[in-house]
Every structure is written in C-alpha cells, then in structure tokens.
C-alpha cells in the first residue's frame, strides 16, 4: 500500500471567505467553454487575464500573484522560494469537468479552494482524497505525488493554483 506524499500540508483558512469572494470578483469573467481557445502553454506565451483551456484541465486564467497571497505563503514556507512566472492560476471546473492525474512542472504546488458551491470535484494526491473548504489550501511536493480532481457533479468549482520553485 502506498503512503501519502512525503511532503504536503493542509492550511485551513489560508484565505478568509471575504478574501476568496474579493479575489473572484476582481478576475475577468470567463468566456463560455465553447468560445474559449485551447492553448499549449509550452508553445505559446499566455497573456494575463485571458481564459483558455488545457488538455488535462478545464478552463483557467493566469494572473499576477497578489501581495495578500504572497504574504500568506511566506508565513508557511520554511525556505526561500520563487513563484513560477510570478503568476497564479484560477481554474474553473463546471459539471462534468475533471483534472486527470498529472504533476505540475515545478517543485511544489499550492492549491486554494475559492468556493464551495459544487458537489463532487474532490482533490486527490495520488489516490488519497484531500478535504478542502472555501479558503483552505494544500501545499504539496510534485516529485513525490501526482494529483487530480474527480468529476464535478453539480455547480462550479473555482480554485487558485500556484507553482513554486526553490533556488
């Protein structure tokens, strides 16, 4: 039987409900899925604030990292770090969407749950479910685990992801 990833931590109330709502109200409104361009971020420079699709995730938008999130992340990190491309990613999952098992191209990933108006959509590290409430975050090491999101049964799941590297 495999073990949970060797390095992960869950942080309840990483953001307050009010901070989650303010962040969501400040981002560009997503385009309808069928009008959203599929892009390969390894071949195209993704402009900030433009919703797009990936092959293993539903829609997302890239934004500059906010000082609030960066300051909170500095409090839980135990070493110097750099945010990949100085960006954060808001990912929108709707009914029927999922994220297939994958690893991110970075040392660690931070995922923050921004809402709770959905059913299904549980996050898994390897095969272990991680319970996140609105405002909670999980920080995990990519070289020790894969992650995925199960299918959304109803509603819309919104998360924030950040890719972290170490100098």
N, C-alpha and C. Protein backbone atom coordinates (compact mmCIF):
# COMPACT_ATOMS: atom_id res chain seq x y z
N UNK A 1 0.84 -1.18 0.00
CA UNK A 1 0.00 0.00 0.00
C UNK A 1 0.89 1.24 0.00
N UNK A 2 0.59 2.19 -0.90
CA UNK A 2 1.41 3.40 -0.94
C UNK A 2 1.03 4.35 0.19
N UNK A 3 1.94 5.23 0.51
CA UNK A 3 1.73 6.19 1.58
C UNK A 3 1.33 7.53 1.00
N UNK A 4 0.81 8.39 1.87
CA UNK A 4 0.54 9.76 1.46
C UNK A 4 1.86 10.41 1.04
N UNK A 5 1.79 11.43 0.19
CA UNK A 5 3.02 12.10 -0.24
C UNK A 5 3.88 12.47 0.97
N UNK A 6 5.18 12.41 0.80
CA UNK A 6 6.07 12.65 1.92
C UNK A 6 6.07 14.10 2.35
N UNK A 7 5.63 14.98 1.48
CA UNK A 7 5.64 16.38 1.87
C UNK A 7 4.38 17.06 1.38
N UNK A 8 3.43 17.25 2.28
CA UNK A 8 2.24 18.01 1.99
C UNK A 8 1.71 18.57 3.29
N UNK A 9 0.96 19.66 3.20
CA UNK A 9 0.34 20.24 4.38
C UNK A 9 -0.95 20.93 3.97
N UNK A 10 -1.94 20.82 4.84
CA UNK A 10 -3.23 21.48 4.62
C UNK A 10 -3.30 22.67 5.56
N UNK A 11 -3.77 23.80 5.04
CA UNK A 11 -3.84 25.05 5.81
C UNK A 11 -5.27 25.57 5.79
N UNK A 12 -6.00 25.32 6.89
CA UNK A 12 -7.37 25.81 6.99
C UNK A 12 -7.35 27.33 7.03
N UNK A 13 -8.34 27.93 6.42
CA UNK A 13 -8.49 29.40 6.43
C UNK A 13 -7.24 30.12 5.95
N UNK A 14 -6.58 29.56 4.94
CA UNK A 14 -5.45 30.27 4.33
C UNK A 14 -5.91 31.63 3.84
N UNK A 15 -7.08 31.66 3.21
CA UNK A 15 -7.78 32.91 2.86
C UNK A 15 -9.12 32.91 3.58
N UNK A 16 -9.58 34.07 3.99
CA UNK A 16 -10.92 34.17 4.57
C UNK A 16 -11.96 34.07 3.45
N UNK A 17 -13.20 33.80 3.82
CA UNK A 17 -14.27 33.75 2.83
C UNK A 17 -14.37 35.09 2.10
N UNK A 18 -14.18 36.18 2.83
CA UNK A 18 -14.24 37.51 2.22
C UNK A 18 -13.10 37.72 1.22
N UNK A 19 -11.90 37.23 1.55
CA UNK A 19 -10.77 37.34 0.62
C UNK A 19 -11.01 36.52 -0.64
N UNK A 20 -11.59 35.33 -0.47
CA UNK A 20 -11.93 34.50 -1.64
C UNK A 20 -12.93 35.22 -2.54
N UNK A 21 -13.98 35.77 -1.93
CA UNK A 21 -15.02 36.46 -2.71
C UNK A 21 -14.46 37.70 -3.41
N UNK A 22 -13.60 38.46 -2.71
CA UNK A 22 -13.00 39.65 -3.32
C UNK A 22 -12.11 39.27 -4.50
N UNK A 23 -11.34 38.20 -4.34
CA UNK A 23 -10.48 37.74 -5.43
C UNK A 23 -11.33 37.33 -6.64
N UNK A 24 -12.37 36.55 -6.40
CA UNK A 24 -13.22 36.10 -7.50
C UNK A 24 -13.93 37.26 -8.19
N UNK A 25 -14.31 38.28 -7.44
CA UNK A 25 -14.99 39.41 -8.08
C UNK A 25 -14.03 40.31 -8.85
N UNK A 26 -12.72 40.16 -8.61
CA UNK A 26 -11.74 41.01 -9.29
C UNK A 26 -11.20 40.39 -10.59
N UNK A 27 -11.49 39.13 -10.85
CA UNK A 27 -10.92 38.49 -12.04
C UNK A 27 -11.83 38.70 -13.24
N UNK A 28 -11.28 38.61 -14.45
CA UNK A 28 -12.11 38.73 -15.65
C UNK A 28 -13.15 37.61 -15.69
N UNK A 29 -14.33 37.93 -16.17
CA UNK A 29 -15.37 36.91 -16.30
C UNK A 29 -14.96 35.90 -17.36
N UNK A 30 -15.17 34.60 -17.08
CA UNK A 30 -14.78 33.60 -18.08
C UNK A 30 -15.67 33.64 -19.31
N UNK A 31 -15.08 33.29 -20.42
CA UNK A 31 -15.83 33.14 -21.66
C UNK A 31 -16.55 31.79 -21.60
N UNK A 32 -17.62 31.60 -22.39
CA UNK A 32 -18.24 30.28 -22.45
C UNK A 32 -17.22 29.25 -22.95
N UNK A 33 -17.33 28.03 -22.46
CA UNK A 33 -16.36 26.99 -22.77
C UNK A 33 -16.13 26.83 -24.27
N UNK A 34 -17.21 26.78 -25.05
CA UNK A 34 -17.06 26.56 -26.50
C UNK A 34 -16.47 27.76 -27.22
N UNK A 35 -16.34 28.89 -26.55
CA UNK A 35 -15.71 30.07 -27.13
C UNK A 35 -14.31 30.31 -26.56
N UNK A 36 -13.85 29.40 -25.71
CA UNK A 36 -12.55 29.54 -25.07
C UNK A 36 -11.50 28.78 -25.87
N UNK A 37 -10.43 29.46 -26.20
CA UNK A 37 -9.38 28.89 -27.05
C UNK A 37 -8.57 27.84 -26.30
N UNK A 38 -8.35 26.66 -26.90
CA UNK A 38 -7.40 25.72 -26.32
C UNK A 38 -5.98 26.16 -26.67
N UNK A 39 -5.10 26.22 -25.67
CA UNK A 39 -3.73 26.66 -25.89
C UNK A 39 -2.75 25.67 -25.28
N UNK A 40 -1.58 25.60 -25.84
CA UNK A 40 -0.49 24.81 -25.31
C UNK A 40 0.53 25.78 -24.74
N UNK A 41 0.55 25.90 -23.41
CA UNK A 41 1.40 26.93 -22.78
C UNK A 41 2.88 26.65 -22.97
N UNK A 42 3.25 25.44 -23.45
CA UNK A 42 4.65 25.17 -23.75
C UNK A 42 5.05 25.76 -25.10
N UNK A 43 4.07 26.13 -25.92
CA UNK A 43 4.36 26.66 -27.25
C UNK A 43 3.93 28.11 -27.43
N UNK A 44 3.09 28.61 -26.54
CA UNK A 44 2.53 29.95 -26.68
C UNK A 44 2.70 30.70 -25.37
N UNK A 45 3.10 31.97 -25.43
CA UNK A 45 3.11 32.81 -24.23
C UNK A 45 1.67 33.19 -23.92
N UNK A 46 1.21 32.81 -22.74
CA UNK A 46 -0.17 33.07 -22.35
C UNK A 46 -0.27 34.48 -21.79
N UNK A 47 -1.12 35.31 -22.36
CA UNK A 47 -1.29 36.65 -21.79
C UNK A 47 -2.08 36.59 -20.49
N UNK A 48 -1.77 37.49 -19.57
CA UNK A 48 -2.51 37.56 -18.31
C UNK A 48 -3.96 37.96 -18.59
N UNK A 49 -4.87 37.39 -17.81
CA UNK A 49 -6.26 37.78 -17.87
C UNK A 49 -7.07 37.18 -19.00
N UNK A 50 -6.52 36.22 -19.73
CA UNK A 50 -7.24 35.59 -20.85
C UNK A 50 -7.57 34.14 -20.46
N UNK A 51 -8.84 33.79 -20.49
CA UNK A 51 -9.25 32.42 -20.19
C UNK A 51 -8.87 31.52 -21.35
N UNK A 52 -8.36 30.32 -21.02
CA UNK A 52 -8.01 29.34 -22.06
C UNK A 52 -8.20 27.93 -21.50
N UNK A 53 -8.09 26.93 -22.37
CA UNK A 53 -8.23 25.53 -21.99
C UNK A 53 -6.91 24.80 -22.19
N UNK A 54 -6.71 23.76 -21.37
CA UNK A 54 -5.56 22.87 -21.48
C UNK A 54 -6.05 21.46 -21.76
N UNK A 55 -5.13 20.58 -22.13
CA UNK A 55 -5.54 19.22 -22.45
C UNK A 55 -5.95 18.41 -21.22
N UNK A 56 -5.42 18.69 -20.03
CA UNK A 56 -5.74 17.88 -18.86
C UNK A 56 -6.51 18.65 -17.78
N UNK A 57 -6.89 19.89 -18.07
CA UNK A 57 -7.66 20.71 -17.13
C UNK A 57 -8.77 21.42 -17.89
N UNK A 58 -9.80 21.83 -17.17
CA UNK A 58 -10.79 22.69 -17.82
C UNK A 58 -10.24 24.12 -18.00
N UNK A 59 -11.08 25.10 -18.00
CA UNK A 59 -10.67 26.48 -18.28
C UNK A 59 -9.86 27.08 -17.12
N UNK A 60 -8.93 27.98 -17.51
CA UNK A 60 -8.19 28.71 -16.48
C UNK A 60 -7.74 30.05 -17.02
N UNK A 61 -7.37 30.93 -16.08
CA UNK A 61 -6.86 32.25 -16.40
C UNK A 61 -5.62 32.47 -15.55
N UNK A 62 -4.61 33.09 -16.13
CA UNK A 62 -3.38 33.40 -15.41
C UNK A 62 -3.39 34.87 -15.01
N UNK A 63 -2.99 35.11 -13.75
CA UNK A 63 -2.99 36.46 -13.21
C UNK A 63 -1.71 36.69 -12.42
N UNK A 64 -1.32 37.95 -12.24
CA UNK A 64 -0.16 38.20 -11.38
C UNK A 64 -0.47 37.80 -9.94
N UNK A 65 0.52 37.32 -9.23
CA UNK A 65 0.33 36.93 -7.84
C UNK A 65 0.00 38.17 -7.01
N UNK A 66 -1.00 38.06 -6.16
CA UNK A 66 -1.36 39.20 -5.31
C UNK A 66 -0.47 39.25 -4.08
N UNK A 67 -0.28 40.45 -3.54
CA UNK A 67 0.54 40.61 -2.33
C UNK A 67 -0.08 39.87 -1.15
N UNK A 68 -1.40 39.85 -1.05
CA UNK A 68 -2.07 39.16 0.06
C UNK A 68 -1.69 37.68 0.06
N UNK A 69 -1.80 37.04 -1.09
CA UNK A 69 -1.49 35.61 -1.17
C UNK A 69 0.00 35.38 -0.96
N UNK A 70 0.83 36.20 -1.55
CA UNK A 70 2.27 36.05 -1.39
C UNK A 70 2.68 36.20 0.08
N UNK A 71 2.12 37.18 0.78
CA UNK A 71 2.44 37.38 2.20
C UNK A 71 2.01 36.17 3.03
N UNK A 72 0.84 35.63 2.75
CA UNK A 72 0.37 34.46 3.50
C UNK A 72 1.24 33.24 3.20
N UNK A 73 1.66 33.09 1.96
CA UNK A 73 2.51 31.97 1.59
C UNK A 73 3.87 32.08 2.28
N UNK A 74 4.41 33.28 2.38
CA UNK A 74 5.70 33.48 3.05
C UNK A 74 5.64 33.01 4.51
N UNK A 75 4.46 33.14 5.14
CA UNK A 75 4.32 32.73 6.54
C UNK A 75 4.40 31.22 6.74
N UNK A 76 4.04 30.45 5.72
CA UNK A 76 4.04 28.99 5.90
C UNK A 76 5.26 28.32 5.28
N UNK A 77 6.01 29.04 4.47
CA UNK A 77 7.19 28.46 3.82
C UNK A 77 8.36 28.48 4.80
N UNK A 78 9.18 27.47 4.70
CA UNK A 78 10.33 27.35 5.60
C UNK A 78 11.65 27.61 4.88
N UNK A 79 11.57 28.12 3.66
CA UNK A 79 12.78 28.38 2.88
C UNK A 79 12.46 29.40 1.79
N UNK A 80 13.49 30.01 1.21
CA UNK A 80 13.25 30.95 0.11
C UNK A 80 12.60 30.22 -1.08
N UNK A 81 11.73 30.91 -1.79
CA UNK A 81 11.03 30.30 -2.92
C UNK A 81 10.79 31.34 -3.99
N UNK A 82 10.41 30.85 -5.16
CA UNK A 82 10.04 31.71 -6.28
C UNK A 82 8.77 31.15 -6.89
N UNK A 83 7.85 32.05 -7.25
CA UNK A 83 6.61 31.65 -7.90
C UNK A 83 6.87 31.56 -9.40
N UNK A 84 6.56 30.43 -9.98
CA UNK A 84 6.76 30.18 -11.41
C UNK A 84 6.07 31.26 -12.24
N UNK A 85 6.82 31.97 -13.05
CA UNK A 85 6.33 33.06 -13.91
C UNK A 85 5.66 34.18 -13.14
N UNK A 86 5.81 34.23 -11.82
CA UNK A 86 5.16 35.24 -10.97
C UNK A 86 3.65 35.29 -11.22
N UNK A 87 3.07 34.12 -11.46
CA UNK A 87 1.63 34.05 -11.77
C UNK A 87 0.91 33.06 -10.87
N UNK A 88 -0.38 33.31 -10.75
CA UNK A 88 -1.29 32.36 -10.13
C UNK A 88 -2.34 32.01 -11.17
N UNK A 89 -2.95 30.86 -11.01
CA UNK A 89 -3.90 30.35 -11.99
C UNK A 89 -5.25 30.13 -11.31
N UNK A 90 -6.29 30.73 -11.84
CA UNK A 90 -7.64 30.45 -11.37
C UNK A 90 -8.21 29.41 -12.34
N UNK A 91 -8.67 28.29 -11.78
CA UNK A 91 -9.17 27.19 -12.59
C UNK A 91 -10.65 27.02 -12.32
N UNK A 92 -11.43 26.94 -13.40
CA UNK A 92 -12.89 26.83 -13.31
C UNK A 92 -13.32 25.46 -13.80
N UNK A 93 -13.94 24.71 -12.91
CA UNK A 93 -14.49 23.39 -13.23
C UNK A 93 -16.01 23.48 -13.19
N UNK A 94 -16.65 23.04 -14.25
CA UNK A 94 -18.12 23.00 -14.28
C UNK A 94 -18.58 21.55 -14.30
N UNK A 95 -19.88 21.34 -14.24
CA UNK A 95 -20.43 19.99 -14.22
C UNK A 95 -19.82 19.15 -15.35
N UNK A 96 -19.32 17.98 -14.99
CA UNK A 96 -18.69 17.07 -15.95
C UNK A 96 -17.19 17.27 -16.12
N UNK A 97 -16.64 18.39 -15.63
CA UNK A 97 -15.20 18.64 -15.74
C UNK A 97 -14.43 17.85 -14.68
N UNK A 98 -13.20 17.57 -14.99
CA UNK A 98 -12.27 16.94 -14.07
C UNK A 98 -10.86 17.30 -14.48
N UNK A 99 -9.90 16.98 -13.63
CA UNK A 99 -8.48 17.12 -13.99
C UNK A 99 -7.88 15.73 -13.88
N UNK A 100 -7.30 15.26 -14.97
CA UNK A 100 -6.71 13.94 -14.97
C UNK A 100 -5.42 13.94 -14.14
N UNK A 101 -4.99 12.77 -13.76
CA UNK A 101 -3.81 12.60 -12.93
C UNK A 101 -2.59 13.22 -13.63
N UNK A 102 -1.90 14.12 -12.93
CA UNK A 102 -0.76 14.81 -13.51
C UNK A 102 0.16 15.34 -12.42
N UNK A 103 1.34 15.78 -12.84
CA UNK A 103 2.26 16.54 -11.99
C UNK A 103 2.49 17.89 -12.65
N UNK A 104 2.72 18.90 -11.84
CA UNK A 104 2.99 20.23 -12.36
C UNK A 104 4.49 20.39 -12.61
N UNK A 105 4.88 21.31 -13.51
CA UNK A 105 6.30 21.49 -13.84
C UNK A 105 7.02 22.39 -12.85
N UNK A 106 6.98 22.01 -11.57
CA UNK A 106 7.59 22.84 -10.53
C UNK A 106 7.92 21.95 -9.34
N UNK A 107 8.58 22.53 -8.35
CA UNK A 107 8.92 21.76 -7.15
C UNK A 107 7.69 21.46 -6.30
N UNK A 108 6.93 22.50 -5.95
CA UNK A 108 5.73 22.36 -5.12
C UNK A 108 4.56 23.06 -5.78
N UNK A 109 3.37 22.66 -5.41
CA UNK A 109 2.13 23.31 -5.86
C UNK A 109 1.32 23.72 -4.64
N UNK A 110 0.73 24.90 -4.71
CA UNK A 110 -0.22 25.37 -3.71
C UNK A 110 -1.58 25.43 -4.41
N UNK A 111 -2.59 24.82 -3.81
CA UNK A 111 -3.95 24.89 -4.33
C UNK A 111 -4.84 25.45 -3.23
N UNK A 112 -5.60 26.50 -3.56
CA UNK A 112 -6.53 27.13 -2.62
C UNK A 112 -7.94 26.94 -3.16
N UNK A 113 -8.84 26.44 -2.32
CA UNK A 113 -10.25 26.30 -2.71
C UNK A 113 -10.92 27.66 -2.54
N UNK A 114 -11.50 28.21 -3.61
CA UNK A 114 -12.06 29.57 -3.57
C UNK A 114 -13.56 29.61 -3.36
N UNK A 115 -14.24 28.48 -3.51
CA UNK A 115 -15.69 28.48 -3.30
C UNK A 115 -16.12 27.10 -2.81
N UNK A 116 -17.41 26.98 -2.49
CA UNK A 116 -17.93 25.68 -2.05
C UNK A 116 -19.31 25.39 -2.64
N UNK A 117 -19.64 26.03 -3.76
CA UNK A 117 -20.95 25.85 -4.38
C UNK A 117 -20.88 24.78 -5.47
N UNK A 118 -20.49 23.56 -5.10
CA UNK A 118 -20.38 22.46 -6.06
C UNK A 118 -20.44 21.14 -5.30
N UNK A 119 -20.73 20.07 -6.03
CA UNK A 119 -20.63 18.72 -5.47
C UNK A 119 -19.69 17.92 -6.37
N UNK A 120 -19.08 16.88 -5.78
CA UNK A 120 -18.05 16.15 -6.49
C UNK A 120 -16.78 16.97 -6.47
N UNK A 121 -15.91 16.75 -7.44
CA UNK A 121 -14.72 17.57 -7.59
C UNK A 121 -13.70 17.45 -6.49
N UNK A 122 -13.63 16.30 -5.85
CA UNK A 122 -12.65 16.11 -4.77
C UNK A 122 -11.24 16.07 -5.34
N UNK A 123 -10.31 16.74 -4.65
CA UNK A 123 -8.89 16.73 -4.98
C UNK A 123 -8.26 15.47 -4.40
N UNK A 124 -7.42 14.83 -5.20
CA UNK A 124 -6.67 13.66 -4.74
C UNK A 124 -5.18 13.90 -4.93
N UNK A 125 -4.40 13.55 -3.92
CA UNK A 125 -2.95 13.45 -4.03
C UNK A 125 -2.68 11.96 -4.12
N UNK A 126 -2.14 11.54 -5.26
CA UNK A 126 -2.07 10.12 -5.59
C UNK A 126 -3.49 9.58 -5.48
N UNK A 127 -3.74 8.62 -4.63
CA UNK A 127 -5.10 8.09 -4.54
C UNK A 127 -5.80 8.48 -3.25
N UNK A 128 -5.25 9.47 -2.57
CA UNK A 128 -5.79 9.88 -1.28
C UNK A 128 -6.58 11.19 -1.41
N UNK A 129 -7.84 11.20 -0.93
CA UNK A 129 -8.64 12.42 -1.01
C UNK A 129 -8.16 13.47 -0.01
N UNK A 130 -8.21 14.72 -0.44
CA UNK A 130 -7.85 15.86 0.41
C UNK A 130 -9.09 16.74 0.54
N UNK A 131 -9.55 16.92 1.77
CA UNK A 131 -10.73 17.75 2.00
C UNK A 131 -10.32 19.20 2.15
N UNK A 132 -10.85 20.04 1.27
CA UNK A 132 -10.60 21.47 1.34
C UNK A 132 -11.94 22.20 1.40
N UNK A 133 -12.04 23.15 2.30
CA UNK A 133 -13.19 24.03 2.38
C UNK A 133 -12.81 25.36 1.76
N UNK A 134 -13.79 26.20 1.53
CA UNK A 134 -13.55 27.53 0.97
C UNK A 134 -12.48 28.24 1.81
N UNK A 135 -11.42 28.70 1.13
CA UNK A 135 -10.34 29.41 1.80
C UNK A 135 -9.20 28.54 2.27
N UNK A 136 -9.39 27.21 2.31
CA UNK A 136 -8.33 26.30 2.73
C UNK A 136 -7.37 26.05 1.58
N UNK A 137 -6.14 25.66 1.93
CA UNK A 137 -5.11 25.42 0.93
C UNK A 137 -4.38 24.12 1.24
N UNK A 138 -3.82 23.54 0.20
CA UNK A 138 -2.91 22.41 0.35
C UNK A 138 -1.64 22.74 -0.41
N UNK A 139 -0.51 22.46 0.22
CA UNK A 139 0.80 22.67 -0.36
C UNK A 139 1.46 21.29 -0.45
N UNK A 140 1.88 20.89 -1.65
CA UNK A 140 2.46 19.56 -1.78
C UNK A 140 3.61 19.56 -2.77
N UNK A 141 4.45 18.54 -2.61
CA UNK A 141 5.64 18.37 -3.43
C UNK A 141 5.30 17.55 -4.66
N UNK A 142 5.63 18.07 -5.82
CA UNK A 142 5.30 17.39 -7.07
C UNK A 142 6.15 16.15 -7.32
N UNK A 143 7.37 16.12 -6.85
CA UNK A 143 8.21 14.96 -7.17
C UNK A 143 7.85 13.73 -6.35
N UNK A 144 6.94 13.86 -5.39
CA UNK A 144 6.53 12.70 -4.61
C UNK A 144 5.09 12.27 -4.88
N UNK A 145 4.37 13.04 -5.66
CA UNK A 145 2.98 12.63 -5.89
C UNK A 145 2.40 13.26 -7.16
N UNK A 146 1.39 12.58 -7.67
CA UNK A 146 0.55 13.11 -8.73
C UNK A 146 -0.72 13.63 -8.08
N UNK A 147 -1.46 14.46 -8.80
CA UNK A 147 -2.74 14.92 -8.28
C UNK A 147 -3.78 14.97 -9.38
N UNK A 148 -5.05 14.96 -8.96
CA UNK A 148 -6.17 15.01 -9.89
C UNK A 148 -7.38 15.57 -9.16
N UNK A 149 -8.39 15.92 -9.95
CA UNK A 149 -9.67 16.36 -9.41
C UNK A 149 -10.74 15.49 -10.03
N UNK A 150 -11.55 14.85 -9.18
CA UNK A 150 -12.63 14.00 -9.66
C UNK A 150 -13.70 14.86 -10.36
N UNK A 151 -14.56 14.21 -11.09
CA UNK A 151 -15.59 14.88 -11.89
C UNK A 151 -16.53 15.73 -11.02
N UNK A 152 -16.82 16.93 -11.51
CA UNK A 152 -17.79 17.81 -10.85
C UNK A 152 -19.19 17.26 -11.15
N UNK A 153 -19.97 17.04 -10.10
CA UNK A 153 -21.33 16.52 -10.28
C UNK A 153 -22.35 17.63 -10.48
N UNK A 154 -22.16 18.75 -9.77
CA UNK A 154 -23.05 19.90 -9.96
C UNK A 154 -22.34 21.16 -9.48
N UNK A 155 -22.77 22.30 -10.01
CA UNK A 155 -22.20 23.58 -9.62
C UNK A 155 -20.90 23.88 -10.33
N UNK A 156 -20.17 24.84 -9.80
CA UNK A 156 -18.89 25.29 -10.36
C UNK A 156 -17.85 25.31 -9.26
N UNK A 157 -16.73 24.67 -9.49
CA UNK A 157 -15.60 24.64 -8.54
C UNK A 157 -14.55 25.62 -9.04
N UNK A 158 -14.13 26.53 -8.17
CA UNK A 158 -13.10 27.51 -8.51
C UNK A 158 -11.93 27.36 -7.55
N UNK A 159 -10.74 27.18 -8.11
CA UNK A 159 -9.54 27.04 -7.29
C UNK A 159 -8.46 27.98 -7.79
N UNK A 160 -7.52 28.25 -6.92
CA UNK A 160 -6.34 29.02 -7.28
C UNK A 160 -5.15 28.09 -7.13
N UNK A 161 -4.30 28.04 -8.13
CA UNK A 161 -3.09 27.22 -8.07
C UNK A 161 -1.88 28.10 -8.29
N UNK A 162 -0.80 27.78 -7.59
CA UNK A 162 0.47 28.46 -7.79
C UNK A 162 1.56 27.42 -7.83
N UNK A 163 2.49 27.61 -8.75
CA UNK A 163 3.63 26.71 -8.90
C UNK A 163 4.84 27.35 -8.22
N UNK A 164 5.49 26.59 -7.36
CA UNK A 164 6.57 27.10 -6.53
C UNK A 164 7.86 26.35 -6.84
N UNK A 165 8.93 27.11 -7.01
CA UNK A 165 10.26 26.53 -7.20
C UNK A 165 11.18 27.08 -6.12
N UNK A 166 12.28 26.35 -5.88
CA UNK A 166 13.25 26.74 -4.86
C UNK A 166 14.59 27.04 -5.53
N UNK A 167 15.23 28.14 -5.10
CA UNK A 167 16.51 28.50 -5.71
C UNK A 167 17.59 27.45 -5.41
